[in-house]
Structures are given as C-alpha cells and as structure tokens.
Amino acid sequence: MDDTRLDGRRPFLLLPALAVVLVVLGLPVAMLLRMSLVPTEGPIYSGGWSARHYEMFFGDPFFSGVLLETVAYGLAVAIGTAIVGFPLAYSLARGSERTRRLRFVILILPLSLSLVVNVFGWMVILGRAGFVNSILLWLGLIDRPIQLLFDRPAVLVVLAHSFLPFQVLSIMSVVVQIDPVLEQAAASLRASRFTTFRRVILPLAWPGILAGSTIVFMLTISAFVTPRFIGGTRVPMLGSLILEQVLSVLNWPFAAAMSMLLLTIALVVAALAGRLGRRGARR
C-alpha cells in the first residue's frame, strides 16, 4: 500500500479511541461541570445556572486556604519524591539484572497492597503504641509516647511513601536509555561526578523527572484516604473535603465545584509540565 495513502488514513484510525475517551471521560466531566453550575444544593438538583458555589468557595477563607495547602502538599511531595527517587531510579537503571529484579520487586511492593491497608499500616507504625514510639522509648529519647499522627509531617511522609514508586519508575524508564558511554566520556575529560550528573545525566533524565513529578503531584492533590486517616480533621485537603460534601453534607453541587477546581489545577500543571518538557528538549 502506498505510504501516502496510509498517512492519510492514520487520523481515522484514532477515531475509535477518541470516541471511547469522549464517552468515558468527557461525558462525566461535562456532567460534573453542569452540576457545579446549578443554583440549588443537595443530591437532587433542578435546572438553572449559577456560579454561587464557586463564589462560596473563594469567598470563604477556610476553603481557599485548604486549596492553597493542597497545592503546597502536591509540590512538596513531588519535589521530595524526586530527590529521594532519583538515586533509587539510577541504581535500578545501572544495576545488574539480578539486583535490579530484587530492588524492583521491593519498590513496587506497596503498589500490590490496597491503599487502605498501607495507610492502616502507617497508623500502626506512627501510633502512640506503635513501632516509632517504642523505639524512641527503648532508646531513652522520650519519656512518654508522643503524638505522631494527625499532623502535617505524618501526612507528607505517608503520601511520599505511597507515590514514590511512580516517581522512580518514571525516572528509571528514561535513565535506562542514557548510554553509559556518555558518563565515561565525561570522566575521561576529567569531569567530576557532580559535574557529570549536572551536565550530562540530569538534562537527559529531565523528561522522566518532569513526568514523574507531574504524576505524583496529581495523585497527591486528589488524595483523600491518607489525609482522612493520617491527618484527621487537623490536616484538611481538598479531596477529603469533597468526600465530606458528597457523603456527609450531601451538597453535591458544591462538591462538583471543588472537583472542577481540582481538575483545572491538574490540567494547568500538566500543560506547564508539557511546556517545560518541550523547552528542555529544545535546549
């Protein structure tokens, strides 16, 4: 078959996939947007259009503060997992096949467990009678158990632990494609390890870091199980507030408005990440 005719038919081959995406994703998002613009409250809404739920959200300092804090959590977890995950990803990419297989199994082990099981495991570890307090008491560093749960550091640690594999896998998939000869060439030119990392490895691994950080950011800002059980009411995040509006308050339009704001933030971050990735590729 002529390559020109095949190139002309390729866009039509995407139509079934695009139709599925529009039905599975586009239709629910459109319904969510419509629900966020109704003037009434409650699980059953009538007709009409109004932006009162968005006005109520931004008019209340509490909800605005939770939104900013949620974004801050997403940035903190994304940056933290990138710093911790890059050495792990590099060791996986450069290790032997046997070592890589063992470390890979250990890395993805948290993903094989339910998120609820993982969170409850951390509750046992960080509880007043948990493993951390027991070790601190045994070492004599504290006189009585301290409160580790229901605090911001605990939420950040559990979120980072839950989403670290996504960061590592994204970085490793790029680092494994970097030819080790480039590092050897830099060493032959008397470049230090830090210079090789800064001038050779980091620029080439930038797409993986950017992709992994974007995924971790989106997963963090939409998390609701971890903030609810680890942070409690002292560490509110937008995902847990949406769950509360849906199940407890039964104000579905307001929950839809918060969901649309969360989706907008995710889309903006994805667009910025794509732009940074293209700029890095040109450089």
Protein backbone atom coordinates (compact mmCIF):
# COMPACT_ATOMS: atom_id res chain seq x y z
CA MET A 1 0.00 0.00 0.00
CA ASP A 2 1.20 3.48 -0.80
CA ASP A 3 2.68 5.25 2.21
CA THR A 4 0.92 8.48 1.25
CA ARG A 5 -2.49 6.80 1.31
CA LEU A 6 -1.63 5.15 4.64
CA ASP A 7 -0.62 8.51 6.19
CA GLY A 8 -3.93 9.97 5.09
CA ARG A 9 -5.87 7.18 6.80
CA ARG A 10 -3.99 7.30 10.09
CA PRO A 11 -6.14 10.06 11.65
CA PHE A 12 -9.23 7.92 11.04
CA LEU A 13 -7.62 5.05 12.97
CA LEU A 14 -7.72 7.24 16.07
CA LEU A 15 -11.47 7.79 15.89
CA PRO A 16 -12.48 4.68 17.92
CA ALA A 17 -10.04 5.57 20.72
CA LEU A 18 -11.17 9.20 20.71
CA ALA A 19 -14.80 8.12 20.89
CA VAL A 20 -14.08 5.93 23.90
CA VAL A 21 -12.20 8.77 25.64
CA LEU A 22 -15.03 11.22 24.99
CA VAL A 23 -17.66 8.83 26.33
CA VAL A 24 -15.71 7.54 29.34
CA LEU A 25 -14.05 10.81 30.37
CA GLY A 26 -15.64 13.69 28.52
CA LEU A 27 -19.25 12.93 29.38
CA PRO A 28 -18.70 12.57 33.16
CA VAL A 29 -16.64 15.77 33.24
CA ALA A 30 -19.37 17.62 31.33
CA MET A 31 -21.99 16.34 33.80
CA LEU A 32 -19.75 17.38 36.70
CA LEU A 33 -19.39 20.86 35.26
CA ARG A 34 -23.14 21.13 34.78
CA MET A 35 -23.78 20.05 38.37
CA SER A 36 -21.32 22.63 39.70
CA LEU A 37 -23.27 25.42 38.00
CA VAL A 38 -26.74 24.72 39.39
CA PRO A 39 -28.16 27.20 41.94
CA THR A 40 -29.53 24.59 44.35
CA GLU A 41 -27.94 22.33 46.95
CA GLY A 42 -28.39 18.65 47.69
CA PRO A 43 -28.02 15.37 45.77
CA ILE A 44 -31.01 16.16 43.53
CA TYR A 45 -30.67 19.38 41.57
CA SER A 46 -33.06 21.29 39.34
CA GLY A 47 -32.45 23.43 36.29
CA GLY A 48 -30.86 26.84 36.14
CA TRP A 49 -27.36 28.22 36.02
CA SER A 50 -25.37 29.88 38.78
CA ALA A 51 -21.76 30.30 39.91
CA ARG A 52 -22.76 30.59 43.56
CA HIS A 53 -20.84 27.51 44.59
CA TYR A 54 -17.60 28.90 43.15
CA GLU A 55 -18.33 32.24 44.81
CA MET A 56 -18.96 30.47 48.10
CA PHE A 57 -15.70 28.56 47.78
CA PHE A 58 -13.47 31.57 47.08
CA GLY A 59 -15.45 33.77 49.46
CA ASP A 60 -14.65 31.53 52.42
CA PRO A 61 -11.03 31.85 53.68
CA PHE A 62 -11.16 28.29 55.01
CA PHE A 63 -11.77 26.68 51.62
CA SER A 64 -9.29 28.98 49.88
CA GLY A 65 -6.68 28.09 52.49
CA VAL A 66 -7.33 24.37 52.02
CA LEU A 67 -6.87 24.78 48.26
CA LEU A 68 -3.50 26.51 48.71
CA GLU A 69 -2.43 23.95 51.29
CA THR A 70 -3.39 21.10 48.97
CA VAL A 71 -1.29 22.57 46.15
CA ALA A 72 1.59 23.07 48.60
CA TYR A 73 1.34 19.40 49.63
CA GLY A 74 1.41 18.35 45.99
CA LEU A 75 4.55 20.39 45.30
CA ALA A 76 6.27 19.20 48.48
CA VAL A 77 5.58 15.51 47.80
CA ALA A 78 6.56 15.84 44.12
CA ILE A 79 9.87 17.53 44.96
CA GLY A 80 10.59 15.19 47.87
CA THR A 81 9.96 12.03 45.85
CA ALA A 82 12.10 13.39 43.00
CA ILE A 83 15.03 13.98 45.36
CA VAL A 84 14.69 10.60 47.04
CA GLY A 85 13.62 8.70 43.94
CA PHE A 86 16.38 9.77 41.55
CA PRO A 87 19.18 7.81 43.30
CA LEU A 88 16.89 4.78 43.51
CA ALA A 89 15.98 5.06 39.83
CA TYR A 90 19.63 5.49 38.84
CA SER A 91 20.71 2.44 40.86
CA LEU A 92 17.93 0.39 39.28
CA ALA A 93 18.88 1.51 35.78
CA ARG A 94 22.61 0.88 36.24
CA GLY A 95 22.45 -2.24 38.43
CA SER A 96 22.86 -5.81 37.28
CA GLU A 97 19.86 -7.78 36.10
CA ARG A 98 19.63 -9.84 39.29
CA THR A 99 19.98 -6.82 41.58
CA ARG A 100 17.55 -4.81 39.51
CA ARG A 101 14.91 -7.53 39.69
CA LEU A 102 15.12 -7.77 43.50
CA ARG A 103 15.04 -4.00 44.03
CA PHE A 104 12.21 -3.64 41.55
CA VAL A 105 10.08 -6.13 43.48
CA ILE A 106 10.76 -4.27 46.74
CA LEU A 107 9.91 -0.97 45.05
CA ILE A 108 6.54 -2.00 43.65
CA LEU A 109 5.54 -3.98 46.75
CA PRO A 110 3.48 -1.08 48.19
CA LEU A 111 1.54 -0.91 44.92
CA SER A 112 0.47 -4.54 45.34
CA LEU A 113 -1.29 -3.65 48.59
CA SER A 114 -4.52 -1.78 48.98
CA LEU A 115 -4.10 1.89 49.81
CA VAL A 116 -6.30 1.41 52.87
CA VAL A 117 -4.06 -1.42 54.09
CA ASN A 118 -0.98 0.73 53.51
CA VAL A 119 -2.50 3.64 55.43
CA PHE A 120 -3.59 1.46 58.35
CA GLY A 121 -0.07 0.01 58.45
CA TRP A 122 1.31 3.52 58.87
CA MET A 123 -1.26 4.20 61.59
CA VAL A 124 0.13 1.21 63.49
CA ILE A 125 3.71 2.40 62.95
CA LEU A 126 3.05 6.03 63.98
CA GLY A 127 0.53 5.37 66.75
CA ARG A 128 1.20 6.14 70.40
CA ALA A 129 1.91 2.45 71.00
CA GLY A 130 3.44 1.97 67.57
CA PHE A 131 6.88 0.99 66.33
CA VAL A 132 8.39 4.50 66.24
CA ASN A 133 7.34 5.40 69.77
CA SER A 134 8.51 2.00 71.03
CA ILE A 135 11.97 2.55 69.53
CA LEU A 136 12.21 6.08 70.91
CA LEU A 137 11.19 4.87 74.39
CA TRP A 138 13.67 2.00 74.24
CA LEU A 139 16.49 4.36 73.28
CA GLY A 140 15.53 6.71 76.09
CA LEU A 141 15.00 9.67 73.78
CA ILE A 142 11.49 10.32 75.13
CA ASP A 143 9.83 9.78 78.49
CA ARG A 144 6.33 9.07 77.19
CA PRO A 145 4.77 8.38 73.77
CA ILE A 146 4.49 11.40 71.53
CA GLN A 147 1.73 12.24 69.08
CA LEU A 148 2.94 11.46 65.54
CA LEU A 149 -0.41 11.01 63.83
CA PHE A 150 -2.81 13.78 62.85
CA ASP A 151 -0.03 16.15 61.84
CA ARG A 152 1.30 17.54 58.58
CA PRO A 153 4.69 15.75 58.58
CA ALA A 154 2.96 12.39 59.00
CA VAL A 155 0.66 13.09 56.05
CA LEU A 156 3.60 14.15 53.86
CA VAL A 157 5.61 11.04 54.78
CA VAL A 158 2.75 8.63 54.05
CA LEU A 159 1.86 10.37 50.78
CA ALA A 160 5.50 10.31 49.67
CA HIS A 161 5.81 6.62 50.56
CA SER A 162 2.61 5.77 48.67
CA PHE A 163 3.55 7.61 45.47
CA LEU A 164 7.33 7.14 45.41
CA PRO A 165 7.17 4.11 43.06
CA PHE A 166 5.51 6.22 40.35
CA GLN A 167 8.35 8.72 40.53
CA VAL A 168 11.05 6.06 40.49
CA LEU A 169 9.53 4.14 37.58
CA SER A 170 9.16 7.31 35.50
CA ILE A 171 12.78 8.35 36.08
CA MET A 172 14.15 4.84 35.61
CA SER A 173 12.45 4.45 32.23
CA VAL A 174 14.44 7.45 30.98
CA VAL A 175 17.76 6.82 32.76
CA VAL A 176 17.94 3.27 31.41
CA GLN A 177 18.03 4.76 27.89
CA ILE A 178 21.01 7.03 28.66
CA ASP A 179 24.14 5.46 27.18
CA PRO A 180 26.77 4.85 29.92
CA VAL A 181 29.40 5.79 27.34
CA LEU A 182 28.39 9.43 27.83
CA GLU A 183 29.31 9.23 31.50
CA GLN A 184 32.60 7.54 30.64
CA ALA A 185 33.36 10.24 28.11
CA ALA A 186 32.71 12.93 30.71
CA ALA A 187 35.01 11.14 33.16
CA SER A 188 37.74 10.91 30.50
CA LEU A 189 37.52 14.69 30.15
CA ARG A 190 38.22 15.00 33.90
CA ALA A 191 34.70 15.91 34.84
CA SER A 192 33.81 15.18 38.46
CA ARG A 193 30.85 13.00 39.34
CA PHE A 194 28.86 16.05 40.34
CA THR A 195 29.68 17.78 37.03
CA THR A 196 28.74 14.64 35.11
CA PHE A 197 25.47 14.47 36.99
CA ARG A 198 24.70 18.16 36.45
CA ARG A 199 25.80 18.47 32.82
CA VAL A 200 25.06 15.00 31.40
CA ILE A 201 22.71 12.83 33.46
CA LEU A 202 20.30 15.41 34.82
CA PRO A 203 19.48 17.13 31.49
CA LEU A 204 18.92 13.79 29.77
CA ALA A 205 16.81 12.47 32.65
CA TRP A 206 14.76 15.68 32.89
CA PRO A 207 11.75 14.31 30.93
CA GLY A 208 11.42 11.39 33.36
CA ILE A 209 11.73 13.67 36.40
CA LEU A 210 9.11 16.01 34.97
CA ALA A 211 6.71 13.20 34.11
CA GLY A 212 7.10 11.51 37.49
CA SER A 213 6.69 14.76 39.40
CA THR A 214 3.54 15.58 37.43
CA ILE A 215 2.02 12.19 38.19
CA VAL A 216 2.90 12.42 41.89
CA PHE A 217 1.52 15.97 42.10
CA MET A 218 -1.81 14.92 40.60
CA LEU A 219 -2.08 11.87 42.84
CA THR A 220 -1.28 13.96 45.93
CA ILE A 221 -3.76 16.77 45.39
CA SER A 222 -6.54 14.26 44.71
CA ALA A 223 -5.76 12.04 47.72
CA PHE A 224 -8.48 11.65 50.32
CA VAL A 225 -7.83 8.36 52.16
CA THR A 226 -4.43 9.35 53.56
CA PRO A 227 -5.42 12.85 54.73
CA ARG A 228 -8.59 11.49 56.31
CA PHE A 229 -6.95 8.70 58.36
CA ILE A 230 -3.43 10.07 58.91
CA GLY A 231 -4.23 13.76 59.17
CA GLY A 232 -7.75 13.64 60.57
CA THR A 233 -9.52 16.96 60.91
CA ARG A 234 -6.27 18.78 61.69
CA VAL A 235 -4.88 18.36 58.16
CA PRO A 236 -7.71 19.05 55.70
CA MET A 237 -7.12 18.56 51.98
CA LEU A 238 -9.43 19.24 49.09
CA GLY A 239 -10.02 15.56 48.34
CA SER A 240 -11.23 14.83 51.86
CA LEU A 241 -13.47 17.92 51.78
CA ILE A 242 -15.04 16.72 48.55
CA LEU A 243 -15.71 13.32 50.13
CA GLU A 244 -17.27 15.02 53.13
CA GLN A 245 -19.55 17.16 50.94
CA VAL A 246 -20.70 14.09 49.00
CA LEU A 247 -21.28 11.63 51.86
CA SER A 248 -21.99 13.77 54.93
CA VAL A 249 -23.24 17.21 53.90
CA LEU A 250 -24.91 15.91 50.72
CA ASN A 251 -24.11 19.15 48.90
CA TRP A 252 -23.23 17.56 45.58
CA PRO A 253 -23.10 20.79 43.51
CA PHE A 254 -20.54 22.28 45.91
CA ALA A 255 -18.53 19.05 45.75
CA ALA A 256 -18.72 19.20 41.96
CA ALA A 257 -17.40 22.79 42.02
CA MET A 258 -14.44 21.74 44.16
CA SER A 259 -13.84 18.77 41.87
CA MET A 260 -13.76 21.05 38.83
CA LEU A 261 -11.25 23.32 40.57
CA LEU A 262 -9.09 20.29 41.35
CA LEU A 263 -9.34 19.12 37.74
CA THR A 264 -8.43 22.60 36.48
CA ILE A 265 -5.32 22.69 38.65
CA ALA A 266 -4.28 19.26 37.37
CA LEU A 267 -4.76 20.30 33.74
CA VAL A 268 -2.81 23.53 34.24
CA VAL A 269 0.08 21.67 35.87
CA ALA A 270 0.07 19.07 33.07
CA ALA A 271 0.17 21.87 30.46
CA LEU A 272 3.05 23.60 32.25
CA ALA A 273 4.93 20.32 32.55
CA GLY A 274 4.48 19.68 28.83
CA ARG A 275 5.77 23.15 28.01
CA LEU A 276 8.80 22.72 30.27
CA GLY A 277 9.46 19.34 28.70
CA ARG A 278 9.41 20.77 25.19
CA ARG A 279 11.65 23.65 26.24
CA GLY A 280 14.09 21.23 27.83
CA ALA A 281 14.11 19.09 24.67
CA ARG A 282 14.94 22.14 22.53
CA ARG A 283 17.74 23.14 24.88
